[in-house]
Amino acid sequence: MPFPSPTTEDPAQRFEESKDPARNALDEVVATANQAGWGTQEIAVALLEAAKSLKDANSADPDAADPPIGDAVKEQIGHGEQFD
């Protein structure tokens, strides 16, 4: 699945821009997992754990291409998200 390129360098705007395509990508992964026999809840938990692992690995060895994340974005991550 192609992921659109960011249209800005502003960290808060980049974070907002990434939400819809990220959700669309996850919806596709969940649909494919459902077709293979996995439940939505179990695959959602597996995806959360995988994302945490990727985030931890990137924190330990940051990708040089990663733009800095602003404080406003850091405060949003992990707070108030709703999952189906």
PDB file of N, CA and C in Angstrom:
ATOM      1  N   MET A   1       0.840  -1.173   0.000  1.00  0.00           N
ATOM      2  CA  MET A   1       0.000   0.000   0.000  1.00  0.00           C
ATOM      3  C   MET A   1       0.885   1.235   0.000  1.00  0.00           C
ATOM      4  N   PRO A   2       0.692   2.128  -0.942  1.00  0.00           N
ATOM      5  CA  PRO A   2       1.496   3.351  -0.962  1.00  0.00           C
ATOM      6  C   PRO A   2       1.091   4.293   0.176  1.00  0.00           C
ATOM      7  N   PHE A   3       2.076   4.910   0.772  1.00  0.00           N
ATOM      8  CA  PHE A   3       1.865   5.870   1.850  1.00  0.00           C
ATOM      9  C   PHE A   3       2.201   7.241   1.294  1.00  0.00           C
ATOM     10  N   PRO A   4       1.317   8.233   1.459  1.00  0.00           N
ATOM     11  CA  PRO A   4       1.589   9.545   0.879  1.00  0.00           C
ATOM     12  C   PRO A   4       2.778  10.241   1.548  1.00  0.00           C
ATOM     13  N   SER A   5       3.448  11.066   0.791  1.00  0.00           N
ATOM     14  CA  SER A   5       4.562  11.857   1.320  1.00  0.00           C
ATOM     15  C   SER A   5       4.019  12.998   2.159  1.00  0.00           C
ATOM     16  N   PRO A   6       4.761  13.412   3.189  1.00  0.00           N
ATOM     17  CA  PRO A   6       4.310  14.563   3.982  1.00  0.00           C
ATOM     18  C   PRO A   6       4.346  15.832   3.138  1.00  0.00           C
ATOM     19  N   THR A   7       3.476  16.771   3.487  1.00  0.00           N
ATOM     20  CA  THR A   7       3.411  18.021   2.739  1.00  0.00           C
ATOM     21  C   THR A   7       4.014  19.186   3.511  1.00  0.00           C
ATOM     22  N   THR A   8       4.548  18.916   4.695  1.00  0.00           N
ATOM     23  CA  THR A   8       5.075  19.968   5.542  1.00  0.00           C
ATOM     24  C   THR A   8       6.264  19.453   6.349  1.00  0.00           C
ATOM     25  N   GLU A   9       7.012  20.363   6.910  1.00  0.00           N
ATOM     26  CA  GLU A   9       8.110  20.010   7.807  1.00  0.00           C
ATOM     27  C   GLU A   9       7.720  20.215   9.274  1.00  0.00           C
ATOM     28  N   ASP A  10       6.559  20.834   9.515  1.00  0.00           N
ATOM     29  CA  ASP A  10       6.105  21.096  10.874  1.00  0.00           C
ATOM     30  C   ASP A  10       5.747  19.779  11.569  1.00  0.00           C
ATOM     31  N   PRO A  11       6.396  19.459  12.702  1.00  0.00           N
ATOM     32  CA  PRO A  11       6.164  18.169  13.360  1.00  0.00           C
ATOM     33  C   PRO A  11       4.703  17.911  13.734  1.00  0.00           C
ATOM     34  N   ALA A  12       3.995  18.899  14.248  1.00  0.00           N
ATOM     35  CA  ALA A  12       2.599  18.693  14.638  1.00  0.00           C
ATOM     36  C   ALA A  12       1.721  18.421  13.419  1.00  0.00           C
ATOM     37  N   GLN A  13       1.962  19.142  12.329  1.00  0.00           N
ATOM     38  CA  GLN A  13       1.178  18.919  11.110  1.00  0.00           C
ATOM     39  C   GLN A  13       1.503  17.566  10.491  1.00  0.00           C
ATOM     40  N   ARG A  14       2.788  17.179  10.524  1.00  0.00           N
ATOM     41  CA  ARG A  14       3.177  15.861   9.996  1.00  0.00           C
ATOM     42  C   ARG A  14       2.469  14.756  10.766  1.00  0.00           C
ATOM     43  N   PHE A  15       2.415  14.906  12.096  1.00  0.00           N
ATOM     44  CA  PHE A  15       1.739  13.927  12.937  1.00  0.00           C
ATOM     45  C   PHE A  15       0.269  13.815  12.533  1.00  0.00           C
ATOM     46  N   GLU A  16      -0.394  14.950  12.363  1.00  0.00           N
ATOM     47  CA  GLU A  16      -1.804  14.941  11.969  1.00  0.00           C
ATOM     48  C   GLU A  16      -1.984  14.326  10.578  1.00  0.00           C
ATOM     49  N   GLU A  17      -1.095  14.672   9.641  1.00  0.00           N
ATOM     50  CA  GLU A  17      -1.174  14.129   8.276  1.00  0.00           C
ATOM     51  C   GLU A  17      -1.010  12.617   8.246  1.00  0.00           C
ATOM     52  N   SER A  18      -0.242  12.099   9.164  1.00  0.00           N
ATOM     53  CA  SER A  18       0.057  10.662   9.142  1.00  0.00           C
ATOM     54  C   SER A  18      -1.068   9.796   9.688  1.00  0.00           C
ATOM     55  N   LYS A  19      -1.989  10.380  10.437  1.00  0.00           N
ATOM     56  CA  LYS A  19      -3.023   9.581  11.104  1.00  0.00           C
ATOM     57  C   LYS A  19      -3.935   8.825  10.140  1.00  0.00           C
ATOM     58  N   ASP A  20      -4.507   9.518   9.156  1.00  0.00           N
ATOM     59  CA  ASP A  20      -5.452   8.852   8.246  1.00  0.00           C
ATOM     60  C   ASP A  20      -4.796   7.751   7.424  1.00  0.00           C
ATOM     61  N   PRO A  21      -3.650   8.017   6.778  1.00  0.00           N
ATOM     62  CA  PRO A  21      -3.054   6.923   6.008  1.00  0.00           C
ATOM     63  C   PRO A  21      -2.583   5.768   6.899  1.00  0.00           C
ATOM     64  N   ALA A  22      -2.146   6.083   8.112  1.00  0.00           N
ATOM     65  CA  ALA A  22      -1.736   5.011   9.028  1.00  0.00           C
ATOM     66  C   ALA A  22      -2.948   4.161   9.400  1.00  0.00           C
ATOM     67  N   ARG A  23      -4.060   4.810   9.688  1.00  0.00           N
ATOM     68  CA  ARG A  23      -5.284   4.066  10.027  1.00  0.00           C
ATOM     69  C   ARG A  23      -5.732   3.216   8.849  1.00  0.00           C
ATOM     70  N   ASN A  24      -5.667   3.765   7.637  1.00  0.00           N
ATOM     71  CA  ASN A  24      -6.045   3.000   6.447  1.00  0.00           C
ATOM     72  C   ASN A  24      -5.164   1.769   6.280  1.00  0.00           C
ATOM     73  N   ALA A  25      -3.869   1.943   6.515  1.00  0.00           N
ATOM     74  CA  ALA A  25      -2.944   0.808   6.409  1.00  0.00           C
ATOM     75  C   ALA A  25      -3.278  -0.251   7.452  1.00  0.00           C
ATOM     76  N   LEU A  26      -3.566   0.185   8.670  1.00  0.00           N
ATOM     77  CA  LEU A  26      -3.931  -0.773   9.725  1.00  0.00           C
ATOM     78  C   LEU A  26      -5.242  -1.476   9.408  1.00  0.00           C
ATOM     79  N   ASP A  27      -6.214  -0.737   8.872  1.00  0.00           N
ATOM     80  CA  ASP A  27      -7.472  -1.369   8.477  1.00  0.00           C
ATOM     81  C   ASP A  27      -7.230  -2.485   7.467  1.00  0.00           C
ATOM     82  N   GLU A  28      -6.334  -2.249   6.521  1.00  0.00           N
ATOM     83  CA  GLU A  28      -6.007  -3.280   5.529  1.00  0.00           C
ATOM     84  C   GLU A  28      -5.348  -4.488   6.184  1.00  0.00           C
ATOM     85  N   VAL A  29      -4.417  -4.234   7.110  1.00  0.00           N
ATOM     86  CA  VAL A  29      -3.745  -5.337   7.809  1.00  0.00           C
ATOM     87  C   VAL A  29      -4.764  -6.144   8.607  1.00  0.00           C
ATOM     88  N   VAL A  30      -5.650  -5.465   9.324  1.00  0.00           N
ATOM     89  CA  VAL A  30      -6.661  -6.166  10.125  1.00  0.00           C
ATOM     90  C   VAL A  30      -7.596  -6.976   9.230  1.00  0.00           C
ATOM     91  N   ALA A  31      -8.020  -6.396   8.115  1.00  0.00           N
ATOM     92  CA  ALA A  31      -8.900  -7.123   7.196  1.00  0.00           C
ATOM     93  C   ALA A  31      -8.218  -8.383   6.657  1.00  0.00           C
ATOM     94  N   THR A  32      -6.957  -8.259   6.303  1.00  0.00           N
ATOM     95  CA  THR A  32      -6.206  -9.415   5.808  1.00  0.00           C
ATOM     96  C   THR A  32      -6.042 -10.469   6.904  1.00  0.00           C
ATOM     97  N   ALA A  33      -5.766 -10.013   8.126  1.00  0.00           N
ATOM     98  CA  ALA A  33      -5.638 -10.938   9.255  1.00  0.00           C
ATOM     99  C   ALA A  33      -6.972 -11.626   9.536  1.00  0.00           C
ATOM    100  N   ASN A  34      -8.075 -10.877   9.463  1.00  0.00           N
ATOM    101  CA  ASN A  34      -9.402 -11.472   9.675  1.00  0.00           C
ATOM    102  C   ASN A  34      -9.674 -12.566   8.648  1.00  0.00           C
ATOM    103  N   GLN A  35      -9.320 -12.302   7.395  1.00  0.00           N
ATOM    104  CA  GLN A  35      -9.528 -13.292   6.336  1.00  0.00           C
ATOM    105  C   GLN A  35      -8.717 -14.554   6.593  1.00  0.00           C
ATOM    106  N   ALA A  36      -7.578 -14.388   7.256  1.00  0.00           N
ATOM    107  CA  ALA A  36      -6.719 -15.536   7.553  1.00  0.00           C
ATOM    108  C   ALA A  36      -7.145 -16.271   8.828  1.00  0.00           C
ATOM    109  N   GLY A  37      -8.149 -15.703   9.534  1.00  0.00           N
ATOM    110  CA  GLY A  37      -8.653 -16.384  10.714  1.00  0.00           C
ATOM    111  C   GLY A  37      -8.295 -15.749  12.047  1.00  0.00           C
ATOM    112  N   TRP A  38      -7.592 -14.633  12.033  1.00  0.00           N
ATOM    113  CA  TRP A  38      -7.247 -13.934  13.273  1.00  0.00           C
ATOM    114  C   TRP A  38      -8.397 -13.022  13.675  1.00  0.00           C
ATOM    115  N   GLY A  39      -8.619 -12.880  14.986  1.00  0.00           N
ATOM    116  CA  GLY A  39      -9.630 -11.968  15.491  1.00  0.00           C
ATOM    117  C   GLY A  39      -9.114 -10.541  15.501  1.00  0.00           C
ATOM    118  N   THR A  40     -10.036  -9.592  15.396  1.00  0.00           N
ATOM    119  CA  THR A  40      -9.655  -8.183  15.375  1.00  0.00           C
ATOM    120  C   THR A  40      -8.933  -7.783  16.657  1.00  0.00           C
ATOM    121  N   GLN A  41      -9.455  -8.199  17.807  1.00  0.00           N
ATOM    122  CA  GLN A  41      -8.838  -7.823  19.080  1.00  0.00           C
ATOM    123  C   GLN A  41      -7.423  -8.385  19.199  1.00  0.00           C
ATOM    124  N   GLU A  42      -7.236  -9.650  18.849  1.00  0.00           N
ATOM    125  CA  GLU A  42      -5.898 -10.225  19.005  1.00  0.00           C
ATOM    126  C   GLU A  42      -4.892  -9.614  18.037  1.00  0.00           C
ATOM    127  N   ILE A  43      -5.330  -9.278  16.825  1.00  0.00           N
ATOM    128  CA  ILE A  43      -4.394  -8.662  15.885  1.00  0.00           C
ATOM    129  C   ILE A  43      -4.128  -7.215  16.270  1.00  0.00           C
ATOM    130  N   ALA A  44      -5.125  -6.514  16.838  1.00  0.00           N
ATOM    131  CA  ALA A  44      -4.911  -5.139  17.291  1.00  0.00           C
ATOM    132  C   ALA A  44      -3.873  -5.104  18.414  1.00  0.00           C
ATOM    133  N   VAL A  45      -3.968  -6.029  19.346  1.00  0.00           N
ATOM    134  CA  VAL A  45      -2.991  -6.095  20.438  1.00  0.00           C
ATOM    135  C   VAL A  45      -1.605  -6.436  19.882  1.00  0.00           C
ATOM    136  N   ALA A  46      -1.545  -7.355  18.944  1.00  0.00           N
ATOM    137  CA  ALA A  46      -0.263  -7.711  18.332  1.00  0.00           C
ATOM    138  C   ALA A  46       0.342  -6.508  17.604  1.00  0.00           C
ATOM    139  N   LEU A  47      -0.492  -5.736  16.911  1.00  0.00           N
ATOM    140  CA  LEU A  47       0.002  -4.550  16.214  1.00  0.00           C
ATOM    141  C   LEU A  47       0.512  -3.499  17.199  1.00  0.00           C
ATOM    142  N   LEU A  48      -0.195  -3.314  18.311  1.00  0.00           N
ATOM    143  CA  LEU A  48       0.274  -2.363  19.331  1.00  0.00           C
ATOM    144  C   LEU A  48       1.631  -2.778  19.886  1.00  0.00           C
ATOM    145  N   GLU A  49       1.789  -4.059  20.159  1.00  0.00           N
ATOM    146  CA  GLU A  49       3.073  -4.552  20.674  1.00  0.00           C
ATOM    147  C   GLU A  49       4.180  -4.394  19.629  1.00  0.00           C
ATOM    148  N   ALA A  50       3.863  -4.671  18.380  1.00  0.00           N
ATOM    149  CA  ALA A  50       4.858  -4.518  17.317  1.00  0.00           C
ATOM    150  C   ALA A  50       5.255  -3.050  17.162  1.00  0.00           C
ATOM    151  N   ALA A  51       4.270  -2.149  17.225  1.00  0.00           N
ATOM    152  CA  ALA A  51       4.567  -0.718  17.116  1.00  0.00           C
ATOM    153  C   ALA A  51       5.428  -0.258  18.281  1.00  0.00           C
ATOM    154  N   LYS A  52       5.138  -0.727  19.480  1.00  0.00           N
ATOM    155  CA  LYS A  52       5.945  -0.366  20.649  1.00  0.00           C
ATOM    156  C   LYS A  52       7.381  -0.860  20.478  1.00  0.00           C
ATOM    157  N   SER A  53       7.529  -2.062  19.961  1.00  0.00           N
ATOM    158  CA  SER A  53       8.864  -2.612  19.727  1.00  0.00           C
ATOM    159  C   SER A  53       9.642  -1.767  18.716  1.00  0.00           C
ATOM    160  N   LEU A  54       8.972  -1.356  17.639  1.00  0.00           N
ATOM    161  CA  LEU A  54       9.620  -0.499  16.637  1.00  0.00           C
ATOM    162  C   LEU A  54      10.004   0.849  17.235  1.00  0.00           C
ATOM    163  N   LYS A  55       9.103   1.422  18.037  1.00  0.00           N
ATOM    164  CA  LYS A  55       9.370   2.712  18.674  1.00  0.00           C
ATOM    165  C   LYS A  55      10.557   2.597  19.625  1.00  0.00           C
ATOM    166  N   ASP A  56      10.601   1.528  20.426  1.00  0.00           N
ATOM    167  CA  ASP A  56      11.713   1.317  21.354  1.00  0.00           C
ATOM    168  C   ASP A  56      13.039   1.150  20.604  1.00  0.00           C
ATOM    169  N   ALA A  57      13.006   0.380  19.521  1.00  0.00           N
ATOM    170  CA  ALA A  57      14.221   0.170  18.728  1.00  0.00           C
ATOM    171  C   ALA A  57      14.693   1.487  18.107  1.00  0.00           C
ATOM    172  N   ASN A  58      13.754   2.305  17.630  1.00  0.00           N
ATOM    173  CA  ASN A  58      14.133   3.579  17.031  1.00  0.00           C
ATOM    174  C   ASN A  58      14.639   4.552  18.089  1.00  0.00           C
ATOM    175  N   SER A  59      14.115   4.460  19.311  1.00  0.00           N
ATOM    176  CA  SER A  59      14.616   5.315  20.397  1.00  0.00           C
ATOM    177  C   SER A  59      16.051   4.950  20.746  1.00  0.00           C
ATOM    178  N   ALA A  60      16.350   3.662  20.720  1.00  0.00           N
ATOM    179  CA  ALA A  60      17.700   3.199  21.034  1.00  0.00           C
ATOM    180  C   ALA A  60      18.689   3.529  19.916  1.00  0.00           C
ATOM    181  N   ASP A  61      18.227   3.492  18.672  1.00  0.00           N
ATOM    182  CA  ASP A  61      19.087   3.752  17.517  1.00  0.00           C
ATOM    183  C   ASP A  61      18.284   4.561  16.507  1.00  0.00           C
ATOM    184  N   PRO A  62      18.171   5.891  16.713  1.00  0.00           N
ATOM    185  CA  PRO A  62      17.301   6.713  15.867  1.00  0.00           C
ATOM    186  C   PRO A  62      17.702   6.697  14.393  1.00  0.00           C
ATOM    187  N   ASP A  63      16.683   6.753  13.565  1.00  0.00           N
ATOM    188  CA  ASP A  63      16.867   6.871  12.126  1.00  0.00           C
ATOM    189  C   ASP A  63      17.257   8.316  11.831  1.00  0.00           C
ATOM    190  N   ALA A  64      18.335   8.509  11.130  1.00  0.00           N
ATOM    191  CA  ALA A  64      18.824   9.857  10.832  1.00  0.00           C
ATOM    192  C   ALA A  64      17.810  10.668  10.019  1.00  0.00           C
ATOM    193  N   ALA A  65      16.931   9.985   9.299  1.00  0.00           N
ATOM    194  CA  ALA A  65      15.937  10.678   8.479  1.00  0.00           C
ATOM    195  C   ALA A  65      14.733  11.142   9.286  1.00  0.00           C
ATOM    196  N   ASP A  66      14.596  10.697  10.536  1.00  0.00           N
ATOM    197  CA  ASP A  66      13.447  11.093  11.350  1.00  0.00           C
ATOM    198  C   ASP A  66      13.527  12.560  11.720  1.00  0.00           C
ATOM    199  N   PRO A  67      12.451  13.310  11.426  1.00  0.00           N
ATOM    200  CA  PRO A  67      12.426  14.703  11.882  1.00  0.00           C
ATOM    201  C   PRO A  67      12.200  14.726  13.384  1.00  0.00           C
ATOM    202  N   PRO A  68      12.610  15.777  14.064  1.00  0.00           N
ATOM    203  CA  PRO A  68      12.353  15.858  15.497  1.00  0.00           C
ATOM    204  C   PRO A  68      10.850  15.938  15.756  1.00  0.00           C
ATOM    205  N   ILE A  69      10.425  15.311  16.846  1.00  0.00           N
ATOM    206  CA  ILE A  69       9.017  15.344  17.220  1.00  0.00           C
ATOM    207  C   ILE A  69       8.834  16.453  18.240  1.00  0.00           C
ATOM    208  N   GLY A  70       7.917  17.359  17.965  1.00  0.00           N
ATOM    209  CA  GLY A  70       7.655  18.472  18.870  1.00  0.00           C
ATOM    210  C   GLY A  70       6.981  18.024  20.150  1.00  0.00           C
ATOM    211  N   ASP A  71       7.046  18.877  21.182  1.00  0.00           N
ATOM    212  CA  ASP A  71       6.448  18.562  22.472  1.00  0.00           C
ATOM    213  C   ASP A  71       4.946  18.347  22.366  1.00  0.00           C
ATOM    214  N   ALA A  72       4.260  19.139  21.549  1.00  0.00           N
ATOM    215  CA  ALA A  72       2.810  18.992  21.407  1.00  0.00           C
ATOM    216  C   ALA A  72       2.463  17.616  20.846  1.00  0.00           C
ATOM    217  N   VAL A  73       3.273  17.129  19.920  1.00  0.00           N
ATOM    218  CA  VAL A  73       3.030  15.816  19.334  1.00  0.00           C
ATOM    219  C   VAL A  73       3.316  14.734  20.372  1.00  0.00           C
ATOM    220  N   LYS A  74       4.411  14.860  21.123  1.00  0.00           N
ATOM    221  CA  LYS A  74       4.734  13.872  22.145  1.00  0.00           C
ATOM    222  C   LYS A  74       3.604  13.749  23.157  1.00  0.00           C
ATOM    223  N   GLU A  75       2.977  14.862  23.508  1.00  0.00           N
ATOM    224  CA  GLU A  75       1.891  14.842  24.473  1.00  0.00           C
ATOM    225  C   GLU A  75       0.663  14.142  23.931  1.00  0.00           C
ATOM    226  N   GLN A  76       0.458  14.150  22.616  1.00  0.00           N
ATOM    227  CA  GLN A  76      -0.713  13.508  22.013  1.00  0.00           C
ATOM    228  C   GLN A  76      -0.538  12.005  21.899  1.00  0.00           C
ATOM    229  N   ILE A  77       0.681  11.549  21.685  1.00  0.00           N
ATOM    230  CA  ILE A  77       0.921  10.124  21.437  1.00  0.00           C
ATOM    231  C   ILE A  77       0.595   9.332  22.693  1.00  0.00           C
ATOM    232  N   GLY A  78      -0.312   8.368  22.537  1.00  0.00           N
ATOM    233  CA  GLY A  78      -0.664   7.502  23.635  1.00  0.00           C
ATOM    234  C   GLY A  78      -1.736   8.041  24.559  1.00  0.00           C
ATOM    235  N   HIS A  79      -2.348   9.158  24.206  1.00  0.00           N
ATOM    236  CA  HIS A  79      -3.376   9.757  25.057  1.00  0.00           C
ATOM    237  C   HIS A  79      -4.645  10.004  24.269  1.00  0.00           C
ATOM    238  N   GLY A  80      -5.693   9.311  24.658  1.00  0.00           N
ATOM    239  CA  GLY A  80      -7.009   9.588  24.102  1.00  0.00           C
ATOM    240  C   GLY A  80      -7.343   8.922  22.780  1.00  0.00           C
ATOM    241  N   GLU A  81      -6.505   8.047  22.273  1.00  0.00           N
ATOM    242  CA  GLU A  81      -6.850   7.373  21.024  1.00  0.00           C
ATOM    243  C   GLU A  81      -7.966   6.386  21.287  1.00  0.00           C
ATOM    244  N   GLN A  82      -8.813   6.210  20.308  1.00  0.00           N
ATOM    245  CA  GLN A  82      -9.908   5.243  20.397  1.00  0.00           C
ATOM    246  C   GLN A  82      -9.709   4.200  19.315  1.00  0.00           C
ATOM    247  N   PHE A  83      -9.802   2.945  19.695  1.00  0.00           N
ATOM    248  CA  PHE A  83      -9.666   1.851  18.739  1.00  0.00           C
ATOM    249  C   PHE A  83     -10.970   1.092  18.660  1.00  0.00           C
ATOM    250  N   ASP A  84     -11.318   0.612  17.474  1.00  0.00           N
ATOM    251  CA  ASP A  84     -12.534  -0.198  17.297  1.00  0.00           C
ATOM    252  C   ASP A  84     -12.343  -1.552  17.908  1.00  0.00           C
TER     253      ASP A  84
END
